[in-house]
Each structure stands twice: as C-alpha cells, then as structure tokens.
Amino acid sequence: MVDVSNHELVPDHSVLDEEALEDVLEEYNIRKTDLPKIKRSDPALPDEATVGDVIQITRDSRTTDQAIVYRLVVE
C-alpha cells in the first residue's frame, strides 16, 4: 500500500502541541471546536494524531511563501 503522506503534493501535516494550540486559539479568539475538521481516517494525517488533536497543515502558496491552516481531528 502506498503511503500518501510522503507524496510530494501532500502538504506537511503535524500535531500541534498544547502550548502552540493555546497561542493559535488566543490569536484568532476561537475555541478548539470552532476549527475546521479533518477525519482521523485521512491518509495524510501523522500516525500519532488522535481524535481531539489539532493538526497544523503547511502548504506552499503562490501569494505567500507558505500558508498555514489548522484542523481538529474527529472520528
């Protein structure tokens, strides 16, 4: 089976630690549950991601060097 998370077109997905998560939530003045969702079964997620974690996705962007988005892992 192919590991899609290593494909060159899949952006970097990483689990956000609690300290960084608090900074993000404070910066955007939101709750964790307000974040867009990503299913735990998504093949691009890191193996260590569990339901309730927040994932930071870093994509290449045409207008900026990188675009960073956040997703809440759900079942």
C-alpha atoms as a PDB file:
ATOM      1  CA  MET A   1       0.000   0.000   0.000  1.00  0.00           C
ATOM      2  CA  VAL A   2       1.242   3.486  -0.855  1.00  0.00           C
ATOM      3  CA  ASP A   3       1.920   5.960   1.965  1.00  0.00           C
ATOM      4  CA  VAL A   4       0.297   9.134   0.595  1.00  0.00           C
ATOM      5  CA  SER A   5       1.627  11.272   3.448  1.00  0.00           C
ATOM      6  CA  ASN A   6       5.082  11.101   1.822  1.00  0.00           C
ATOM      7  CA  HIS A   7       3.855  12.195  -1.611  1.00  0.00           C
ATOM      8  CA  GLU A   8       5.310  15.488  -2.861  1.00  0.00           C
ATOM      9  CA  LEU A   9       1.858  17.008  -3.437  1.00  0.00           C
ATOM     10  CA  VAL A  10       0.627  16.362   0.122  1.00  0.00           C
ATOM     11  CA  PRO A  11       1.363  19.343   2.382  1.00  0.00           C
ATOM     12  CA  ASP A  12       3.131  18.890   5.711  1.00  0.00           C
ATOM     13  CA  HIS A  13       0.754  17.771   8.495  1.00  0.00           C
ATOM     14  CA  SER A  14       1.960  17.980  12.099  1.00  0.00           C
ATOM     15  CA  VAL A  15       0.300  17.646  15.500  1.00  0.00           C
ATOM     16  CA  LEU A  16       0.213  20.940  17.386  1.00  0.00           C
ATOM     17  CA  ASP A  17       1.402  20.817  21.000  1.00  0.00           C
ATOM     18  CA  GLU A  18      -0.768  22.300  23.772  1.00  0.00           C
ATOM     19  CA  GLU A  19       1.272  25.495  24.169  1.00  0.00           C
ATOM     20  CA  ALA A  20       1.187  26.290  20.452  1.00  0.00           C
ATOM     21  CA  LEU A  21      -2.520  25.416  20.342  1.00  0.00           C
ATOM     22  CA  GLU A  22      -3.306  27.915  23.108  1.00  0.00           C
ATOM     23  CA  ASP A  23      -1.417  30.621  21.183  1.00  0.00           C
ATOM     24  CA  VAL A  24      -3.397  29.890  18.000  1.00  0.00           C
ATOM     25  CA  LEU A  25      -6.756  29.873  19.775  1.00  0.00           C
ATOM     26  CA  GLU A  26      -5.927  33.132  21.536  1.00  0.00           C
ATOM     27  CA  GLU A  27      -4.666  34.796  18.338  1.00  0.00           C
ATOM     28  CA  TYR A  28      -7.875  34.016  16.453  1.00  0.00           C
ATOM     29  CA  ASN A  29     -10.137  34.345  19.529  1.00  0.00           C
ATOM     30  CA  ILE A  30     -11.805  30.977  18.887  1.00  0.00           C
ATOM     31  CA  ARG A  31     -12.438  27.679  20.648  1.00  0.00           C
ATOM     32  CA  LYS A  32     -10.913  24.393  19.559  1.00  0.00           C
ATOM     33  CA  THR A  33     -14.319  23.192  18.340  1.00  0.00           C
ATOM     34  CA  ASP A  34     -14.593  26.221  16.015  1.00  0.00           C
ATOM     35  CA  LEU A  35     -11.749  24.901  13.855  1.00  0.00           C
ATOM     36  CA  PRO A  36     -12.473  23.104  10.581  1.00  0.00           C
ATOM     37  CA  LYS A  37     -12.473  19.317  10.957  1.00  0.00           C
ATOM     38  CA  ILE A  38     -10.368  16.527   9.497  1.00  0.00           C
ATOM     39  CA  LYS A  39     -11.245  12.841   9.849  1.00  0.00           C
ATOM     40  CA  ARG A  40      -8.882  10.536  11.707  1.00  0.00           C
ATOM     41  CA  SER A  41      -9.061   8.211   8.709  1.00  0.00           C
ATOM     42  CA  ASP A  42      -7.499  10.843   6.409  1.00  0.00           C
ATOM     43  CA  PRO A  43      -4.384   9.153   4.999  1.00  0.00           C
ATOM     44  CA  ALA A  44      -2.320  12.376   5.169  1.00  0.00           C
ATOM     45  CA  LEU A  45      -2.525  12.538   8.979  1.00  0.00           C
ATOM     46  CA  PRO A  46       0.544  11.581  11.003  1.00  0.00           C
ATOM     47  CA  ASP A  47       0.277   8.194  12.731  1.00  0.00           C
ATOM     48  CA  GLU A  48       0.461   9.797  16.184  1.00  0.00           C
ATOM     49  CA  ALA A  49      -2.608  12.003  15.569  1.00  0.00           C
ATOM     50  CA  THR A  50      -5.609  11.082  17.714  1.00  0.00           C
ATOM     51  CA  VAL A  51      -9.180  12.346  17.934  1.00  0.00           C
ATOM     52  CA  GLY A  52      -9.146  15.754  19.623  1.00  0.00           C
ATOM     53  CA  ASP A  53      -5.683  16.757  18.400  1.00  0.00           C
ATOM     54  CA  VAL A  54      -5.198  19.871  16.297  1.00  0.00           C
ATOM     55  CA  ILE A  55      -3.200  19.477  13.087  1.00  0.00           C
ATOM     56  CA  GLN A  56      -1.131  22.246  11.536  1.00  0.00           C
ATOM     57  CA  ILE A  57      -1.042  21.986   7.754  1.00  0.00           C
ATOM     58  CA  THR A  58       1.680  23.962   5.984  1.00  0.00           C
ATOM     59  CA  ARG A  59       1.078  24.434   2.268  1.00  0.00           C
ATOM     60  CA  ASP A  60       3.043  26.181  -0.446  1.00  0.00           C
ATOM     61  CA  SER A  61       1.306  29.334  -1.592  1.00  0.00           C
ATOM     62  CA  ARG A  62       1.532  31.487  -4.696  1.00  0.00           C
ATOM     63  CA  THR A  63       0.828  34.719  -2.824  1.00  0.00           C
ATOM     64  CA  THR A  64       2.878  33.993   0.286  1.00  0.00           C
ATOM     65  CA  ASP A  65       5.706  31.548   0.701  1.00  0.00           C
ATOM     66  CA  GLN A  66       3.623  29.323   2.980  1.00  0.00           C
ATOM     67  CA  ALA A  67       0.012  29.145   4.097  1.00  0.00           C
ATOM     68  CA  ILE A  68      -0.718  27.602   7.486  1.00  0.00           C
ATOM     69  CA  VAL A  69      -4.133  26.195   8.358  1.00  0.00           C
ATOM     70  CA  TYR A  70      -5.391  24.245  11.358  1.00  0.00           C
ATOM     71  CA  ARG A  71      -7.784  21.292  11.571  1.00  0.00           C
ATOM     72  CA  LEU A  72      -9.369  19.474  14.520  1.00  0.00           C
ATOM     73  CA  VAL A  73      -9.140  15.672  14.263  1.00  0.00           C
ATOM     74  CA  VAL A  74     -12.548  13.976  14.563  1.00  0.00           C
ATOM     75  CA  GLU A  75     -13.696  10.371  14.317  1.00  0.00           C
END
